[in-house]
């Protein structure tokens, strides 16, 4: 088992720990408000899992043989935000944020030379663009045709909650392995 004790004093994380997460509505909220709030809650959970770590810790592939790292998850979720909200729902033809992206390969998980500040900046910007796309659409029933399939805003929001929840589970394991921090 590798020693995860840093040899030098850790540098502050590019993502300060948010004071708390925005709690999703527990009752009497409409479907749209519930879906968008749960998605935001999942985004804030990822930020919490990454807060307070050094660049090296964010890049650490802490659960071998997986090539996942917390920074890789941030970059991956920036790509997922871009793909579903900008490309699918908004009809943009935005290319991947990180070069070298080949279909079937995950360049976003290749973090050896990645800059954490850049990754978090891109992720935050993609999340803001995603929120703007959602706000511009009138109804959860709004549909778009994309590459032969039809997607509704409701489907995309639900899928994104699932995507973040799954990867936040990975983030839990990675963070615990890096420095022992557990829980929400």
N, C-alpha and C. Protein backbone atom coordinates (compact mmCIF):
# COMPACT_ATOMS: atom_id res chain seq x y z
N UNK A 1 0.85 -1.17 0.00
CA UNK A 1 0.00 0.00 0.00
C UNK A 1 0.90 1.24 0.00
N UNK A 2 0.77 2.14 -1.01
CA UNK A 2 1.64 3.30 -1.07
C UNK A 2 1.34 4.28 0.04
N UNK A 3 2.39 4.99 0.47
CA UNK A 3 2.25 6.02 1.48
C UNK A 3 1.73 7.28 0.80
N UNK A 4 0.64 7.84 1.31
CA UNK A 4 0.05 9.03 0.71
C UNK A 4 0.41 10.29 1.48
N UNK A 5 1.44 10.23 2.32
CA UNK A 5 1.86 11.39 3.07
C UNK A 5 2.71 12.27 2.17
N UNK A 6 2.33 13.55 1.99
CA UNK A 6 3.10 14.41 1.11
C UNK A 6 4.49 14.68 1.69
N UNK A 7 5.49 14.73 0.81
CA UNK A 7 6.86 14.98 1.22
C UNK A 7 7.06 16.45 1.55
N UNK A 8 6.29 17.32 0.92
CA UNK A 8 6.37 18.75 1.17
C UNK A 8 5.01 19.25 1.61
N UNK A 9 4.99 20.47 2.10
CA UNK A 9 3.72 21.05 2.53
C UNK A 9 2.77 21.13 1.34
N UNK A 10 1.52 20.68 1.52
CA UNK A 10 0.57 20.72 0.41
C UNK A 10 0.24 22.16 0.01
N UNK A 11 0.02 22.34 -1.27
CA UNK A 11 -0.41 23.63 -1.79
C UNK A 11 -1.93 23.68 -1.74
N UNK A 12 -2.49 24.87 -1.53
CA UNK A 12 -3.95 24.95 -1.48
C UNK A 12 -4.59 24.48 -2.78
N UNK A 13 -5.75 23.92 -2.63
CA UNK A 13 -6.50 23.42 -3.78
C UNK A 13 -7.05 24.57 -4.61
N UNK A 14 -7.17 24.35 -5.93
CA UNK A 14 -7.80 25.37 -6.77
C UNK A 14 -9.31 25.43 -6.53
N UNK A 15 -9.84 24.54 -5.72
CA UNK A 15 -11.28 24.51 -5.47
C UNK A 15 -11.53 24.59 -3.97
N UNK A 16 -11.69 25.79 -3.43
CA UNK A 16 -11.96 25.87 -1.99
C UNK A 16 -13.26 25.16 -1.65
N UNK A 17 -13.28 24.56 -0.47
CA UNK A 17 -14.47 23.82 -0.04
C UNK A 17 -15.64 24.79 0.10
N UNK A 18 -16.74 24.48 -0.59
CA UNK A 18 -17.92 25.32 -0.42
C UNK A 18 -18.41 25.20 1.02
N UNK A 19 -18.97 26.27 1.58
CA UNK A 19 -19.42 26.19 2.97
C UNK A 19 -20.49 25.13 3.18
N UNK A 20 -21.30 24.88 2.19
CA UNK A 20 -22.33 23.84 2.25
C UNK A 20 -22.86 23.63 0.85
N UNK A 21 -23.57 22.56 0.69
CA UNK A 21 -24.23 22.31 -0.58
C UNK A 21 -25.64 22.86 -0.51
N UNK A 22 -26.13 23.26 -1.65
CA UNK A 22 -27.52 23.69 -1.76
C UNK A 22 -28.39 22.46 -1.64
N UNK A 23 -29.22 22.42 -0.64
CA UNK A 23 -30.09 21.26 -0.44
C UNK A 23 -31.20 21.25 -1.47
N UNK A 24 -31.43 20.09 -2.10
CA UNK A 24 -32.56 20.00 -3.03
C UNK A 24 -33.88 20.08 -2.27
N UNK A 25 -34.94 20.48 -2.96
CA UNK A 25 -36.24 20.57 -2.28
C UNK A 25 -36.70 19.19 -1.80
N UNK A 26 -37.27 19.15 -0.64
CA UNK A 26 -37.73 17.88 -0.07
C UNK A 26 -39.21 17.63 -0.38
N UNK A 27 -39.97 18.67 -0.60
CA UNK A 27 -41.40 18.49 -0.87
C UNK A 27 -41.93 19.74 -1.56
N UNK A 28 -43.08 19.56 -2.20
CA UNK A 28 -43.85 20.67 -2.77
C UNK A 28 -43.10 21.48 -3.83
N UNK A 29 -42.09 20.90 -4.45
CA UNK A 29 -41.41 21.59 -5.55
C UNK A 29 -41.86 20.96 -6.86
N UNK A 30 -41.88 21.74 -7.89
CA UNK A 30 -42.23 21.22 -9.20
C UNK A 30 -41.13 20.32 -9.72
N UNK A 31 -41.44 19.58 -10.78
CA UNK A 31 -40.49 18.63 -11.35
C UNK A 31 -39.23 19.33 -11.85
N UNK A 32 -39.38 20.42 -12.56
CA UNK A 32 -38.22 21.13 -13.10
C UNK A 32 -37.33 21.64 -11.98
N UNK A 33 -37.92 22.26 -10.97
CA UNK A 33 -37.14 22.76 -9.84
C UNK A 33 -36.43 21.62 -9.13
N UNK A 34 -37.09 20.50 -8.98
CA UNK A 34 -36.47 19.35 -8.32
C UNK A 34 -35.30 18.81 -9.13
N UNK A 35 -35.49 18.62 -10.43
CA UNK A 35 -34.43 18.07 -11.27
C UNK A 35 -33.22 18.99 -11.31
N UNK A 36 -33.43 20.28 -11.50
CA UNK A 36 -32.29 21.20 -11.58
C UNK A 36 -31.59 21.33 -10.23
N UNK A 37 -32.34 21.28 -9.15
CA UNK A 37 -31.73 21.37 -7.82
C UNK A 37 -30.93 20.12 -7.50
N UNK A 38 -31.45 18.95 -7.84
CA UNK A 38 -30.69 17.72 -7.60
C UNK A 38 -29.42 17.68 -8.44
N UNK A 39 -29.48 18.17 -9.67
CA UNK A 39 -28.27 18.22 -10.50
C UNK A 39 -27.25 19.17 -9.88
N UNK A 40 -27.70 20.33 -9.43
CA UNK A 40 -26.77 21.28 -8.80
C UNK A 40 -26.16 20.68 -7.53
N UNK A 41 -26.96 19.99 -6.77
CA UNK A 41 -26.48 19.31 -5.55
C UNK A 41 -25.36 18.31 -5.90
N UNK A 42 -25.55 17.57 -6.97
CA UNK A 42 -24.52 16.60 -7.39
C UNK A 42 -23.25 17.32 -7.84
N UNK A 43 -23.39 18.43 -8.55
CA UNK A 43 -22.22 19.23 -8.95
C UNK A 43 -21.46 19.71 -7.72
N UNK A 44 -22.18 20.23 -6.75
CA UNK A 44 -21.55 20.73 -5.53
C UNK A 44 -20.91 19.60 -4.72
N UNK A 45 -21.48 18.41 -4.80
CA UNK A 45 -20.88 17.25 -4.13
C UNK A 45 -19.51 16.96 -4.73
N UNK A 46 -19.40 16.99 -6.05
CA UNK A 46 -18.10 16.76 -6.69
C UNK A 46 -17.09 17.81 -6.24
N UNK A 47 -17.50 19.05 -6.20
CA UNK A 47 -16.59 20.11 -5.75
C UNK A 47 -16.12 19.85 -4.32
N UNK A 48 -17.02 19.41 -3.45
CA UNK A 48 -16.65 19.09 -2.07
C UNK A 48 -15.63 17.96 -2.01
N UNK A 49 -15.81 16.95 -2.86
CA UNK A 49 -14.89 15.80 -2.86
C UNK A 49 -13.49 16.21 -3.28
N UNK A 50 -13.37 17.28 -4.04
CA UNK A 50 -12.07 17.72 -4.55
C UNK A 50 -11.44 18.82 -3.70
N UNK A 51 -12.20 19.41 -2.82
CA UNK A 51 -11.73 20.57 -2.07
C UNK A 51 -10.61 20.22 -1.10
N UNK A 52 -9.65 21.13 -1.01
CA UNK A 52 -8.58 21.00 -0.03
C UNK A 52 -7.44 20.10 -0.43
N UNK A 53 -7.42 19.61 -1.65
CA UNK A 53 -6.35 18.71 -2.09
C UNK A 53 -5.33 19.45 -2.94
N UNK A 54 -4.13 18.94 -2.97
CA UNK A 54 -3.08 19.48 -3.82
C UNK A 54 -3.31 19.04 -5.26
N UNK A 55 -2.59 19.67 -6.17
CA UNK A 55 -2.67 19.27 -7.58
C UNK A 55 -2.27 17.80 -7.73
N UNK A 56 -1.23 17.39 -7.01
CA UNK A 56 -0.79 16.00 -7.11
C UNK A 56 -1.85 15.04 -6.58
N UNK A 57 -2.51 15.40 -5.49
CA UNK A 57 -3.56 14.54 -4.95
C UNK A 57 -4.76 14.47 -5.91
N UNK A 58 -5.10 15.59 -6.53
CA UNK A 58 -6.21 15.59 -7.49
C UNK A 58 -5.90 14.69 -8.69
N UNK A 59 -4.63 14.58 -9.06
CA UNK A 59 -4.21 13.77 -10.20
C UNK A 59 -4.00 12.31 -9.84
N UNK A 60 -3.95 12.00 -8.56
CA UNK A 60 -3.59 10.65 -8.12
C UNK A 60 -4.62 9.62 -8.56
N UNK A 61 -4.12 8.55 -9.15
CA UNK A 61 -4.96 7.40 -9.51
C UNK A 61 -4.93 6.47 -8.31
N UNK A 62 -5.81 6.75 -7.37
CA UNK A 62 -5.73 6.17 -6.04
C UNK A 62 -6.33 4.78 -5.91
N UNK A 63 -7.01 4.30 -6.92
CA UNK A 63 -7.66 2.99 -6.84
C UNK A 63 -7.23 2.14 -8.04
N UNK A 64 -5.99 1.62 -8.00
CA UNK A 64 -5.52 0.80 -9.12
C UNK A 64 -6.40 -0.43 -9.29
N UNK A 65 -6.55 -0.95 -10.47
CA UNK A 65 -5.86 -0.56 -11.70
C UNK A 65 -6.56 0.54 -12.47
N UNK A 66 -7.60 1.14 -11.91
CA UNK A 66 -8.35 2.19 -12.60
C UNK A 66 -7.45 3.38 -12.88
N UNK A 67 -7.69 4.03 -14.02
CA UNK A 67 -6.95 5.24 -14.34
C UNK A 67 -7.71 6.49 -13.90
N UNK A 68 -8.77 6.31 -13.10
CA UNK A 68 -9.55 7.44 -12.62
C UNK A 68 -8.81 8.21 -11.55
N UNK A 69 -9.01 9.51 -11.60
CA UNK A 69 -8.52 10.42 -10.56
C UNK A 69 -9.62 11.46 -10.36
N UNK A 70 -9.54 12.19 -9.26
CA UNK A 70 -10.53 13.24 -9.04
C UNK A 70 -10.47 14.29 -10.14
N UNK A 71 -9.26 14.66 -10.55
CA UNK A 71 -9.13 15.64 -11.62
C UNK A 71 -9.67 15.08 -12.93
N UNK A 72 -9.45 13.82 -13.18
CA UNK A 72 -10.01 13.19 -14.37
C UNK A 72 -11.53 13.22 -14.36
N UNK A 73 -12.12 13.02 -13.18
CA UNK A 73 -13.59 13.09 -13.08
C UNK A 73 -14.09 14.49 -13.37
N UNK A 74 -13.38 15.50 -12.87
CA UNK A 74 -13.79 16.89 -13.14
C UNK A 74 -13.73 17.16 -14.64
N UNK A 75 -12.63 16.75 -15.28
CA UNK A 75 -12.49 16.97 -16.72
C UNK A 75 -13.55 16.17 -17.50
N UNK A 76 -13.79 14.95 -17.08
CA UNK A 76 -14.80 14.12 -17.74
C UNK A 76 -16.18 14.76 -17.62
N UNK A 77 -16.53 15.22 -16.44
CA UNK A 77 -17.86 15.80 -16.26
C UNK A 77 -18.00 17.14 -16.98
N UNK A 78 -16.91 17.87 -17.16
CA UNK A 78 -16.95 19.07 -18.01
C UNK A 78 -17.31 18.67 -19.44
N UNK A 79 -16.73 17.56 -19.90
CA UNK A 79 -17.04 17.06 -21.25
C UNK A 79 -18.48 16.59 -21.35
N UNK A 80 -18.97 15.92 -20.33
CA UNK A 80 -20.35 15.44 -20.34
C UNK A 80 -21.32 16.62 -20.35
N UNK A 81 -21.03 17.65 -19.55
CA UNK A 81 -21.86 18.87 -19.55
C UNK A 81 -21.88 19.47 -20.96
N UNK A 82 -20.69 19.63 -21.55
CA UNK A 82 -20.59 20.23 -22.89
C UNK A 82 -21.38 19.41 -23.90
N UNK A 83 -21.18 18.13 -23.87
CA UNK A 83 -21.80 17.25 -24.86
C UNK A 83 -23.33 17.29 -24.77
N UNK A 84 -23.88 17.06 -23.58
CA UNK A 84 -25.33 16.96 -23.47
C UNK A 84 -26.04 18.30 -23.57
N UNK A 85 -25.53 19.32 -22.93
CA UNK A 85 -26.26 20.59 -22.92
C UNK A 85 -25.97 21.44 -24.15
N UNK A 86 -24.71 21.60 -24.49
CA UNK A 86 -24.38 22.46 -25.62
C UNK A 86 -24.58 21.76 -26.95
N UNK A 87 -24.02 20.56 -27.08
CA UNK A 87 -24.10 19.88 -28.37
C UNK A 87 -25.48 19.28 -28.62
N UNK A 88 -25.99 18.50 -27.69
CA UNK A 88 -27.27 17.82 -27.92
C UNK A 88 -28.44 18.80 -27.80
N UNK A 89 -28.62 19.40 -26.63
CA UNK A 89 -29.80 20.24 -26.43
C UNK A 89 -29.75 21.55 -27.19
N UNK A 90 -28.57 22.17 -27.28
CA UNK A 90 -28.49 23.50 -27.88
C UNK A 90 -28.05 23.47 -29.34
N UNK A 91 -27.72 22.30 -29.86
CA UNK A 91 -27.37 22.18 -31.27
C UNK A 91 -26.04 22.79 -31.65
N UNK A 92 -25.16 23.01 -30.70
CA UNK A 92 -23.84 23.55 -31.00
C UNK A 92 -22.93 22.42 -31.47
N UNK A 93 -21.89 22.76 -32.16
CA UNK A 93 -20.91 21.76 -32.62
C UNK A 93 -19.59 21.99 -31.89
N UNK A 94 -19.67 22.03 -30.58
CA UNK A 94 -18.48 22.30 -29.76
C UNK A 94 -17.59 21.07 -29.68
N UNK A 95 -16.32 21.29 -29.95
CA UNK A 95 -15.33 20.21 -29.85
C UNK A 95 -14.95 19.99 -28.39
N UNK A 96 -14.33 18.87 -28.13
CA UNK A 96 -13.88 18.53 -26.78
C UNK A 96 -12.95 19.61 -26.24
N UNK A 97 -12.99 19.80 -24.95
CA UNK A 97 -12.15 20.81 -24.30
C UNK A 97 -10.68 20.43 -24.27
N UNK A 98 -10.40 19.13 -24.29
CA UNK A 98 -9.02 18.68 -24.21
C UNK A 98 -8.65 17.96 -25.49
N UNK A 99 -7.54 18.38 -26.09
CA UNK A 99 -7.12 17.82 -27.37
C UNK A 99 -6.76 16.35 -27.22
N UNK A 100 -6.73 15.69 -28.35
CA UNK A 100 -6.39 14.28 -28.35
C UNK A 100 -7.59 13.38 -28.13
N UNK A 101 -8.76 13.97 -28.02
CA UNK A 101 -9.97 13.17 -27.77
C UNK A 101 -10.31 12.36 -29.01
N UNK A 102 -10.32 11.08 -28.85
CA UNK A 102 -10.67 10.16 -29.93
C UNK A 102 -11.91 9.40 -29.47
N UNK A 103 -12.92 9.22 -30.33
CA UNK A 103 -14.09 8.46 -29.89
C UNK A 103 -13.69 7.12 -29.28
N UNK A 104 -14.23 6.85 -28.11
CA UNK A 104 -13.90 5.60 -27.42
C UNK A 104 -12.74 5.75 -26.44
N UNK A 105 -11.97 6.82 -26.56
CA UNK A 105 -10.88 7.07 -25.61
C UNK A 105 -11.30 8.22 -24.70
N UNK A 106 -10.73 8.24 -23.53
CA UNK A 106 -11.09 9.27 -22.55
C UNK A 106 -9.89 10.15 -22.25
N UNK A 107 -9.60 11.10 -23.13
CA UNK A 107 -8.49 12.02 -22.93
C UNK A 107 -8.69 12.85 -21.67
N UNK A 108 -9.95 13.04 -21.26
CA UNK A 108 -10.23 13.82 -20.07
C UNK A 108 -9.65 13.13 -18.82
N UNK A 109 -9.48 11.81 -18.85
CA UNK A 109 -8.91 11.10 -17.71
C UNK A 109 -7.38 11.08 -17.72
N UNK A 110 -6.77 11.52 -18.82
CA UNK A 110 -5.31 11.58 -18.92
C UNK A 110 -4.85 12.89 -18.29
N UNK A 111 -4.50 12.84 -17.01
CA UNK A 111 -4.25 14.06 -16.25
C UNK A 111 -2.78 14.29 -15.89
N UNK A 112 -1.88 13.49 -16.42
CA UNK A 112 -0.46 13.62 -16.04
C UNK A 112 0.03 15.06 -16.21
N UNK A 113 -0.31 15.69 -17.31
CA UNK A 113 0.13 17.06 -17.58
C UNK A 113 -0.99 18.08 -17.42
N UNK A 114 -2.10 17.67 -16.83
CA UNK A 114 -3.27 18.54 -16.72
C UNK A 114 -3.05 19.62 -15.67
N UNK A 115 -3.65 20.76 -15.91
CA UNK A 115 -3.61 21.89 -14.98
C UNK A 115 -4.93 21.91 -14.21
N UNK A 116 -4.90 21.66 -12.90
CA UNK A 116 -6.14 21.65 -12.13
C UNK A 116 -6.92 22.96 -12.20
N UNK A 117 -6.22 24.09 -12.17
CA UNK A 117 -6.93 25.38 -12.25
C UNK A 117 -7.71 25.48 -13.55
N UNK A 118 -7.08 25.09 -14.66
CA UNK A 118 -7.75 25.12 -15.95
C UNK A 118 -8.95 24.17 -15.96
N UNK A 119 -8.75 22.97 -15.44
CA UNK A 119 -9.84 21.98 -15.44
C UNK A 119 -11.05 22.48 -14.67
N UNK A 120 -10.82 23.04 -13.48
CA UNK A 120 -11.95 23.53 -12.69
C UNK A 120 -12.59 24.76 -13.35
N UNK A 121 -11.78 25.60 -13.97
CA UNK A 121 -12.31 26.76 -14.69
C UNK A 121 -13.21 26.31 -15.83
N UNK A 122 -12.76 25.34 -16.61
CA UNK A 122 -13.55 24.81 -17.72
C UNK A 122 -14.83 24.17 -17.19
N UNK A 123 -14.71 23.35 -16.15
CA UNK A 123 -15.88 22.67 -15.58
C UNK A 123 -16.92 23.69 -15.10
N UNK A 124 -16.46 24.69 -14.34
CA UNK A 124 -17.40 25.71 -13.84
C UNK A 124 -18.07 26.45 -15.01
N UNK A 125 -17.30 26.77 -16.04
CA UNK A 125 -17.86 27.46 -17.22
C UNK A 125 -18.88 26.57 -17.93
N UNK A 126 -18.57 25.29 -18.08
CA UNK A 126 -19.52 24.38 -18.74
C UNK A 126 -20.80 24.25 -17.92
N UNK A 127 -20.67 24.18 -16.61
CA UNK A 127 -21.87 24.10 -15.75
C UNK A 127 -22.72 25.36 -15.89
N UNK A 128 -22.08 26.52 -15.95
CA UNK A 128 -22.82 27.78 -16.12
C UNK A 128 -23.52 27.80 -17.48
N UNK A 129 -22.84 27.34 -18.53
CA UNK A 129 -23.47 27.28 -19.85
C UNK A 129 -24.65 26.31 -19.84
N UNK A 130 -24.47 25.19 -19.15
CA UNK A 130 -25.55 24.20 -19.05
C UNK A 130 -26.77 24.80 -18.38
N UNK A 131 -26.56 25.52 -17.29
CA UNK A 131 -27.69 26.15 -16.60
C UNK A 131 -28.39 27.15 -17.53
N UNK A 132 -27.62 27.88 -18.33
CA UNK A 132 -28.20 28.85 -19.26
C UNK A 132 -29.04 28.14 -20.34
N UNK A 133 -28.55 27.02 -20.83
CA UNK A 133 -29.31 26.25 -21.83
C UNK A 133 -30.63 25.79 -21.23
N UNK A 134 -30.59 25.27 -20.01
CA UNK A 134 -31.81 24.80 -19.34
C UNK A 134 -32.79 25.96 -19.15
N UNK A 135 -32.28 27.09 -18.71
CA UNK A 135 -33.16 28.25 -18.48
C UNK A 135 -33.82 28.72 -19.77
N UNK A 136 -33.14 28.56 -20.89
CA UNK A 136 -33.68 29.03 -22.17
C UNK A 136 -34.76 28.11 -22.74
N UNK A 137 -34.86 26.90 -22.24
CA UNK A 137 -35.86 25.96 -22.75
C UNK A 137 -37.14 26.07 -21.93
N UNK A 138 -38.27 26.12 -22.64
CA UNK A 138 -39.55 26.37 -21.99
C UNK A 138 -40.07 25.22 -21.14
N UNK A 139 -39.82 24.00 -21.58
CA UNK A 139 -40.50 22.87 -20.97
C UNK A 139 -39.58 21.66 -20.84
N UNK A 140 -39.82 20.88 -19.82
CA UNK A 140 -39.10 19.61 -19.69
C UNK A 140 -39.42 18.68 -20.86
N UNK A 141 -40.53 18.92 -21.51
CA UNK A 141 -40.94 18.10 -22.66
C UNK A 141 -40.32 18.57 -23.97
N UNK A 142 -39.54 19.65 -23.94
CA UNK A 142 -38.85 20.10 -25.15
C UNK A 142 -37.95 18.97 -25.62
N UNK A 143 -38.05 18.64 -26.91
CA UNK A 143 -37.23 17.56 -27.45
C UNK A 143 -36.34 18.07 -28.57
N UNK A 144 -35.24 17.36 -28.76
CA UNK A 144 -34.32 17.62 -29.87
C UNK A 144 -33.97 16.29 -30.50
N UNK A 145 -33.72 16.34 -31.79
CA UNK A 145 -33.23 15.15 -32.50
C UNK A 145 -31.73 15.29 -32.62
N UNK A 146 -31.03 14.25 -32.23
CA UNK A 146 -29.57 14.27 -32.27
C UNK A 146 -29.08 12.90 -32.73
N UNK A 147 -28.45 12.90 -33.88
CA UNK A 147 -27.86 11.68 -34.43
C UNK A 147 -28.84 10.50 -34.44
N UNK A 148 -30.06 10.78 -34.87
CA UNK A 148 -31.04 9.72 -35.03
C UNK A 148 -31.84 9.38 -33.79
N UNK A 149 -31.56 10.03 -32.67
CA UNK A 149 -32.32 9.80 -31.44
C UNK A 149 -33.00 11.09 -31.02
N UNK A 150 -34.08 10.95 -30.26
CA UNK A 150 -34.80 12.10 -29.74
C UNK A 150 -34.60 12.15 -28.23
N UNK A 151 -34.23 13.33 -27.73
CA UNK A 151 -33.98 13.52 -26.30
C UNK A 151 -34.83 14.68 -25.80
N UNK A 152 -35.38 14.52 -24.61
CA UNK A 152 -36.10 15.62 -23.97
C UNK A 152 -35.19 16.26 -22.92
N UNK A 153 -35.53 17.49 -22.56
CA UNK A 153 -34.80 18.14 -21.47
C UNK A 153 -34.92 17.30 -20.21
N UNK A 154 -36.07 16.73 -19.96
CA UNK A 154 -36.28 15.87 -18.78
C UNK A 154 -35.28 14.71 -18.78
N UNK A 155 -35.14 14.05 -19.93
CA UNK A 155 -34.20 12.94 -20.04
C UNK A 155 -32.78 13.40 -19.73
N UNK A 156 -32.36 14.51 -20.33
CA UNK A 156 -30.98 14.98 -20.15
C UNK A 156 -30.72 15.32 -18.68
N UNK A 157 -31.64 16.02 -18.04
CA UNK A 157 -31.45 16.35 -16.62
C UNK A 157 -31.37 15.08 -15.77
N UNK A 158 -32.25 14.13 -16.04
CA UNK A 158 -32.24 12.87 -15.28
C UNK A 158 -30.95 12.11 -15.53
N UNK A 159 -30.53 12.05 -16.78
CA UNK A 159 -29.26 11.37 -17.10
C UNK A 159 -28.09 12.05 -16.41
N UNK A 160 -28.07 13.36 -16.38
CA UNK A 160 -26.95 14.08 -15.75
C UNK A 160 -26.91 13.84 -14.24
N UNK A 161 -28.05 13.76 -13.60
CA UNK A 161 -28.08 13.44 -12.17
C UNK A 161 -27.48 12.06 -11.96
N UNK A 162 -27.88 11.11 -12.80
CA UNK A 162 -27.34 9.75 -12.71
C UNK A 162 -25.83 9.74 -12.97
N UNK A 163 -25.39 10.48 -13.96
CA UNK A 163 -23.96 10.53 -14.31
C UNK A 163 -23.13 11.07 -13.14
N UNK A 164 -23.57 12.18 -12.58
CA UNK A 164 -22.86 12.76 -11.44
C UNK A 164 -22.92 11.83 -10.22
N UNK A 165 -24.08 11.26 -9.94
CA UNK A 165 -24.21 10.40 -8.76
C UNK A 165 -23.25 9.21 -8.86
N UNK A 166 -23.17 8.60 -10.04
CA UNK A 166 -22.26 7.47 -10.24
C UNK A 166 -20.81 7.90 -10.03
N UNK A 167 -20.44 9.02 -10.65
CA UNK A 167 -19.05 9.47 -10.52
C UNK A 167 -18.76 10.03 -9.13
N UNK A 168 -19.75 10.54 -8.45
CA UNK A 168 -19.52 10.97 -7.07
C UNK A 168 -19.25 9.77 -6.17
N UNK A 169 -19.82 8.62 -6.51
CA UNK A 169 -19.46 7.39 -5.80
C UNK A 169 -18.00 7.04 -6.02
N UNK A 170 -17.54 7.19 -7.26
CA UNK A 170 -16.11 6.99 -7.54
C UNK A 170 -15.28 8.00 -6.75
N UNK A 171 -15.74 9.24 -6.74
CA UNK A 171 -15.00 10.30 -6.02
C UNK A 171 -14.90 9.99 -4.53
N UNK A 172 -15.96 9.42 -3.96
CA UNK A 172 -15.91 9.01 -2.54
C UNK A 172 -14.75 8.05 -2.29
N UNK A 173 -14.65 7.04 -3.15
CA UNK A 173 -13.59 6.04 -2.98
C UNK A 173 -12.21 6.63 -3.20
N UNK A 174 -12.09 7.46 -4.23
CA UNK A 174 -10.79 8.09 -4.51
C UNK A 174 -10.37 8.97 -3.35
N UNK A 175 -11.27 9.80 -2.87
CA UNK A 175 -10.93 10.73 -1.78
C UNK A 175 -10.56 9.96 -0.51
N UNK A 176 -11.31 8.93 -0.20
CA UNK A 176 -10.99 8.15 1.00
C UNK A 176 -9.60 7.53 0.89
N UNK A 177 -9.27 7.05 -0.29
CA UNK A 177 -7.96 6.41 -0.50
C UNK A 177 -6.83 7.45 -0.45
N UNK A 178 -7.11 8.67 -0.90
CA UNK A 178 -6.08 9.71 -0.92
C UNK A 178 -5.74 10.20 0.48
N UNK A 179 -6.76 10.57 1.24
CA UNK A 179 -6.47 11.17 2.55
C UNK A 179 -7.40 10.75 3.69
N UNK A 180 -8.21 9.73 3.43
CA UNK A 180 -9.06 9.20 4.49
C UNK A 180 -10.36 9.93 4.71
N UNK A 181 -10.60 11.02 3.98
CA UNK A 181 -11.85 11.76 4.15
C UNK A 181 -12.99 10.94 3.56
N UNK A 182 -14.05 10.79 4.36
CA UNK A 182 -15.20 10.00 3.94
C UNK A 182 -16.48 10.81 4.14
N UNK A 183 -17.54 10.30 3.59
CA UNK A 183 -18.85 10.90 3.79
C UNK A 183 -19.08 12.11 2.92
N UNK A 184 -20.21 12.74 3.16
CA UNK A 184 -20.56 13.90 2.35
C UNK A 184 -20.05 15.11 3.04
